[in-house]
């Protein structure tokens, strides 16, 4: 497993696509193997009460100690994250962005009309609204500078939902990918995954990237080429080539998260 952290050039799109001549052959055998490993670790779990419904696992469950968000700033941070994700969607579809906050806000209101964060936005006073606008604009500048142009021939998909059912449906594992480029149908590994966060990168960011790679492998049946993350808070980036070591670690982390949540009182 190889990794590299960068704070400058090349652009994110350059990293995601890389050199086509150096791509490994598409691995279509690993998905079944890793699914068997995951399922095997769940065979001896005790039966949960039927009234509890399926256990739902998401990326944040990878944290051994759940993060408790307290205070009025948290909804505003969530709103900032939602607007930056919406801005990524606009940029990935070739839309012109001249007013980052206003453009992202209008597009997000249309694409997510039922989000509970609309209430957060409505309750902002003039000072809070100005603060959010300034914050989003600053993060947008970092994203726009780092991303680079997205070629429509790369088949960009944003806000991709991934759902996997395990243990006969007792466990539902969910993920959401900010941006996917390339195709899983090519003879060589082509899919690249991009995650944008408005928080500084941390060890949890690495675990989330591994989780994304595993979930996309299970979804498509083909191992992705690489995963990349960008922090719009700092401009830092991290990238991983997706290989057996990375996926094996992701399997172990997912198994631990499932067992921990299954046994949680």
Protein backbone atom coordinates (compact mmCIF):
# COMPACT_ATOMS: atom_id res chain seq x y z
CA UNK A 1 0.00 0.00 0.00
CA UNK A 2 1.50 3.33 -1.01
CA UNK A 3 0.48 6.81 0.02
CA UNK A 4 1.56 10.38 -0.48
CA UNK A 5 0.50 13.64 1.09
CA UNK A 6 0.71 16.84 -0.94
CA UNK A 7 -0.10 20.48 -0.36
CA UNK A 8 0.45 21.86 -3.88
CA UNK A 9 0.35 20.73 -7.51
CA UNK A 10 -0.60 18.55 -9.30
CA UNK A 11 -4.33 19.15 -9.51
CA UNK A 12 -6.78 16.67 -8.03
CA UNK A 13 -8.00 15.59 -11.45
CA UNK A 14 -4.41 14.89 -12.51
CA UNK A 15 -3.95 12.69 -9.46
CA UNK A 16 -7.26 10.89 -9.94
CA UNK A 17 -6.63 10.01 -13.56
CA UNK A 18 -2.88 9.47 -13.37
CA UNK A 19 -0.94 7.86 -16.20
CA UNK A 20 -3.20 5.56 -18.19
CA UNK A 21 -0.19 3.51 -19.35
CA UNK A 22 0.62 2.49 -15.76
CA UNK A 23 -2.78 1.19 -14.68
CA UNK A 24 -2.98 -2.41 -13.43
CA UNK A 25 -5.38 -4.93 -14.92
CA UNK A 26 -8.89 -4.71 -13.53
CA UNK A 27 -9.25 -6.96 -10.48
CA UNK A 28 -12.65 -8.67 -10.68
CA UNK A 29 -11.91 -11.50 -8.25
CA UNK A 30 -11.30 -9.57 -5.02
CA UNK A 31 -14.87 -8.43 -4.32
CA UNK A 32 -16.22 -11.92 -3.70
CA UNK A 33 -13.24 -12.80 -1.53
CA UNK A 34 -13.62 -9.74 0.68
CA UNK A 35 -17.36 -10.21 0.98
CA UNK A 36 -16.76 -13.75 2.21
CA UNK A 37 -14.26 -12.48 4.77
CA UNK A 38 -16.74 -9.93 6.07
CA UNK A 39 -19.61 -12.39 6.22
CA UNK A 40 -17.41 -15.00 7.89
CA UNK A 41 -16.66 -12.66 10.78
CA UNK A 42 -20.38 -12.10 11.35
CA UNK A 43 -21.52 -15.73 11.48
CA UNK A 44 -21.26 -16.06 15.26
CA UNK A 45 -23.02 -12.83 16.19
CA UNK A 46 -25.88 -13.34 18.60
CA UNK A 47 -29.41 -12.80 17.30
CA UNK A 48 -30.74 -9.27 17.75
CA UNK A 49 -34.32 -8.60 18.73
CA UNK A 50 -36.47 -8.40 15.59
CA UNK A 51 -37.95 -5.12 16.81
CA UNK A 52 -34.56 -3.42 16.48
CA UNK A 53 -34.55 -3.75 12.70
CA UNK A 54 -31.37 -4.01 10.66
CA UNK A 55 -28.14 -2.54 11.99
CA UNK A 56 -27.10 0.39 9.79
CA UNK A 57 -23.38 1.09 9.47
CA UNK A 58 -21.89 4.26 7.99
CA UNK A 59 -18.38 5.65 7.70
CA UNK A 60 -18.55 7.47 11.04
CA UNK A 61 -18.91 4.12 12.83
CA UNK A 62 -15.26 3.44 12.02
CA UNK A 63 -14.34 5.70 14.96
CA UNK A 64 -13.71 3.54 18.06
CA UNK A 65 -15.01 6.42 20.19
CA UNK A 66 -18.02 8.19 18.67
CA UNK A 67 -17.54 11.93 18.22
CA UNK A 68 -20.16 13.95 20.07
CA UNK A 69 -20.90 17.27 18.37
CA UNK A 70 -22.09 19.90 20.80
CA UNK A 71 -22.85 23.57 20.34
CA UNK A 72 -24.50 25.92 17.88
CA UNK A 73 -21.52 25.88 15.50
CA UNK A 74 -22.08 22.25 14.50
CA UNK A 75 -25.19 22.77 12.30
CA UNK A 76 -23.39 25.63 10.55
CA UNK A 77 -20.42 23.34 9.90
CA UNK A 78 -22.80 20.74 8.48
CA UNK A 79 -24.31 23.41 6.26
CA UNK A 80 -20.85 24.44 5.06
CA UNK A 81 -20.06 20.83 4.20
CA UNK A 82 -23.31 20.40 2.29
CA UNK A 83 -22.72 23.55 0.26
CA UNK A 84 -19.14 22.59 -0.60
CA UNK A 85 -20.35 19.16 -1.73
CA UNK A 86 -22.92 20.90 -3.91
CA UNK A 87 -20.22 23.14 -5.31
CA UNK A 88 -18.21 20.04 -6.23
CA UNK A 89 -21.22 18.74 -8.14
CA UNK A 90 -21.48 21.99 -10.08
CA UNK A 91 -17.78 22.03 -10.92
CA UNK A 92 -17.84 18.36 -11.94
CA UNK A 93 -20.62 19.00 -14.45
CA UNK A 94 -18.85 21.95 -16.06
CA UNK A 95 -20.98 24.65 -14.45
CA UNK A 96 -19.55 28.13 -14.13
CA UNK A 97 -19.18 29.22 -10.51
CA UNK A 98 -18.73 32.97 -10.02
CA UNK A 99 -20.48 33.43 -6.68
CA UNK A 100 -19.54 30.29 -4.69
CA UNK A 101 -21.93 30.74 -1.77
CA UNK A 102 -24.92 31.95 -3.76
CA UNK A 103 -24.43 29.43 -6.57
CA UNK A 104 -24.01 26.52 -4.17
CA UNK A 105 -26.96 27.65 -2.05
CA UNK A 106 -29.33 27.91 -5.01
CA UNK A 107 -28.27 24.57 -6.49
CA UNK A 108 -28.45 22.82 -3.11
CA UNK A 109 -31.95 24.16 -2.42
CA UNK A 110 -33.05 22.63 -5.73
CA UNK A 111 -31.25 19.29 -5.39
CA UNK A 112 -31.96 18.75 -1.66
CA UNK A 113 -35.33 20.44 -1.05
CA UNK A 114 -36.14 18.33 2.01
CA UNK A 115 -32.83 18.58 3.87
CA UNK A 116 -33.25 19.43 7.57
CA UNK A 117 -30.38 21.87 7.11
CA UNK A 118 -32.77 24.24 5.36
CA UNK A 119 -34.11 25.12 8.79
CA UNK A 120 -30.57 25.88 9.95
CA UNK A 121 -30.17 28.27 7.04
CA UNK A 122 -33.55 29.90 7.64
CA UNK A 123 -32.74 30.49 11.30
CA UNK A 124 -29.44 32.24 10.56
CA UNK A 125 -29.42 35.88 11.51
CA UNK A 126 -27.57 38.39 9.35
CA UNK A 127 -24.27 37.87 11.19
CA UNK A 128 -24.44 34.06 10.99
CA UNK A 129 -25.40 34.19 7.32
CA UNK A 130 -22.49 36.48 6.53
CA UNK A 131 -20.17 34.19 8.47
CA UNK A 132 -21.36 31.11 6.60
CA UNK A 133 -21.06 32.90 3.25
CA UNK A 134 -17.49 33.98 4.02
CA UNK A 135 -16.60 30.51 5.27
CA UNK A 136 -18.07 28.73 2.24
CA UNK A 137 -16.35 31.14 -0.14
CA UNK A 138 -12.96 30.54 1.49
CA UNK A 139 -13.38 26.76 1.26
CA UNK A 140 -14.65 27.10 -2.31
CA UNK A 141 -11.52 29.00 -3.35
CA UNK A 142 -9.39 26.11 -2.09
CA UNK A 143 -11.55 23.53 -3.88
CA UNK A 144 -11.64 25.39 -7.19
CA UNK A 145 -7.88 25.97 -7.16
CA UNK A 146 -7.10 22.34 -6.27
CA UNK A 147 -9.63 20.43 -8.36
CA UNK A 148 -8.80 21.22 -11.96
CA UNK A 149 -11.14 20.72 -14.95
CA UNK A 150 -13.30 17.58 -15.06
CA UNK A 151 -13.53 16.08 -18.54
CA UNK A 152 -17.06 14.79 -19.26
CA UNK A 153 -15.45 11.79 -21.00
CA UNK A 154 -14.34 10.65 -17.54
CA UNK A 155 -18.02 9.95 -16.71
CA UNK A 156 -18.08 12.03 -13.49
CA UNK A 157 -20.70 10.97 -10.95
CA UNK A 158 -21.29 12.91 -7.76
CA UNK A 159 -23.08 12.06 -4.52
CA UNK A 160 -23.01 8.34 -5.38
CA UNK A 161 -24.94 6.20 -2.88
CA UNK A 162 -23.60 2.74 -2.03
CA UNK A 163 -25.64 0.20 -0.06
CA UNK A 164 -24.56 -3.33 0.86
CA UNK A 165 -26.71 -5.90 2.70
CA UNK A 166 -24.89 -8.38 4.94
CA UNK A 167 -25.90 -11.32 7.12
CA UNK A 168 -29.11 -11.88 5.17
CA UNK A 169 -30.17 -8.25 5.50
CA UNK A 170 -29.59 -7.99 9.26
CA UNK A 171 -26.84 -5.46 8.55
CA UNK A 172 -27.00 -2.63 6.04
CA UNK A 173 -23.73 -0.87 5.25
CA UNK A 174 -24.09 2.54 3.61
CA UNK A 175 -21.68 4.95 2.00
CA UNK A 176 -21.78 8.09 -0.12
CA UNK A 177 -19.03 9.00 -2.57
CA UNK A 178 -18.48 12.67 -3.33
CA UNK A 179 -17.06 12.10 -6.81
CA UNK A 180 -16.35 9.03 -8.94
CA UNK A 181 -14.45 9.22 -12.22
CA UNK A 182 -13.88 6.48 -14.77
CA UNK A 183 -15.55 3.14 -15.42
CA UNK A 184 -15.45 -0.28 -13.78
CA UNK A 185 -15.99 -1.93 -17.18
CA UNK A 186 -12.54 -1.32 -18.62
CA UNK A 187 -9.82 -3.96 -18.90
CA UNK A 188 -7.57 -1.90 -16.62
CA UNK A 189 -8.39 -0.32 -13.27
CA UNK A 190 -10.01 3.00 -14.12
CA UNK A 191 -12.35 4.17 -11.36
CA UNK A 192 -10.98 6.87 -9.07
CA UNK A 193 -12.78 8.15 -5.97
CA UNK A 194 -12.57 11.65 -4.52
CA UNK A 195 -13.62 12.75 -1.05
CA UNK A 196 -13.80 16.40 -0.04
CA UNK A 197 -13.97 17.47 3.59
CA UNK A 198 -14.21 20.89 5.17
CA UNK A 199 -12.33 19.62 8.24
CA UNK A 200 -8.58 19.04 8.55
CA UNK A 201 -7.36 15.62 7.45
CA UNK A 202 -6.64 13.06 10.17
CA UNK A 203 -6.17 9.32 10.66
CA UNK A 204 -9.94 9.04 10.39
CA UNK A 205 -9.70 10.48 6.86
CA UNK A 206 -7.46 7.56 5.92
CA UNK A 207 -9.97 5.07 7.34
CA UNK A 208 -12.80 6.74 5.42
CA UNK A 209 -10.85 6.49 2.16
CA UNK A 210 -10.26 2.79 2.79
CA UNK A 211 -13.97 2.38 3.52
CA UNK A 212 -14.87 4.14 0.25
CA UNK A 213 -12.53 1.84 -1.68
CA UNK A 214 -13.99 -1.30 -0.10
CA UNK A 215 -17.59 -0.22 -0.57
CA UNK A 216 -17.04 0.62 -4.23
CA UNK A 217 -15.28 -2.71 -4.73
CA UNK A 218 -18.30 -4.52 -3.27
CA UNK A 219 -20.72 -2.40 -5.30
CA UNK A 220 -19.13 -2.81 -8.72
CA UNK A 221 -17.22 -6.05 -8.26
CA UNK A 222 -14.04 -4.32 -9.47
CA UNK A 223 -11.25 -2.81 -7.38
CA UNK A 224 -10.91 0.97 -7.96
CA UNK A 225 -7.65 2.48 -9.12
CA UNK A 226 -7.12 5.04 -6.35
CA UNK A 227 -8.79 7.19 -3.71
CA UNK A 228 -7.98 10.83 -2.98
CA UNK A 229 -9.10 13.24 -0.26
CA UNK A 230 -8.85 17.02 -0.05
CA UNK A 231 -9.32 19.21 3.00
CA UNK A 232 -10.67 22.58 1.97
CA UNK A 233 -9.82 23.79 5.48
CA UNK A 234 -6.08 23.41 4.97
CA UNK A 235 -5.54 22.52 1.31
CA UNK A 236 -3.88 19.25 2.33
CA UNK A 237 -4.43 16.15 0.22
CA UNK A 238 -3.86 12.44 0.66
CA UNK A 239 -3.98 9.69 -1.94
CA UNK A 240 -3.90 5.91 -1.87
CA UNK A 241 -3.47 3.38 -4.61
CA UNK A 242 -6.08 0.70 -3.94
CA UNK A 243 -4.38 -2.65 -3.41
CA UNK A 244 -4.85 -5.85 -1.43
CA UNK A 245 -3.24 -4.43 1.71
CA UNK A 246 -5.54 -1.41 1.72
CA UNK A 247 -8.68 -3.49 1.16
CA UNK A 248 -7.69 -6.08 3.77
CA UNK A 249 -7.29 -3.32 6.33
CA UNK A 250 -10.64 -1.84 5.29
CA UNK A 251 -12.28 -5.24 5.80
CA UNK A 252 -10.80 -5.51 9.29
CA UNK A 253 -11.96 -1.99 10.20
CA UNK A 254 -15.45 -2.68 8.90
CA UNK A 255 -15.68 -5.98 10.78
CA UNK A 256 -14.64 -4.24 14.00
CA UNK A 257 -17.18 -1.45 13.47
CA UNK A 258 -20.02 -3.89 12.80
CA UNK A 259 -19.25 -6.10 15.80
CA UNK A 260 -18.86 -3.06 18.07
CA UNK A 261 -22.19 -1.56 17.01
CA UNK A 262 -23.96 -4.94 17.07
CA UNK A 263 -22.93 -5.46 20.71
CA UNK A 264 -23.51 -1.88 21.80
CA UNK A 265 -26.07 -1.75 24.65
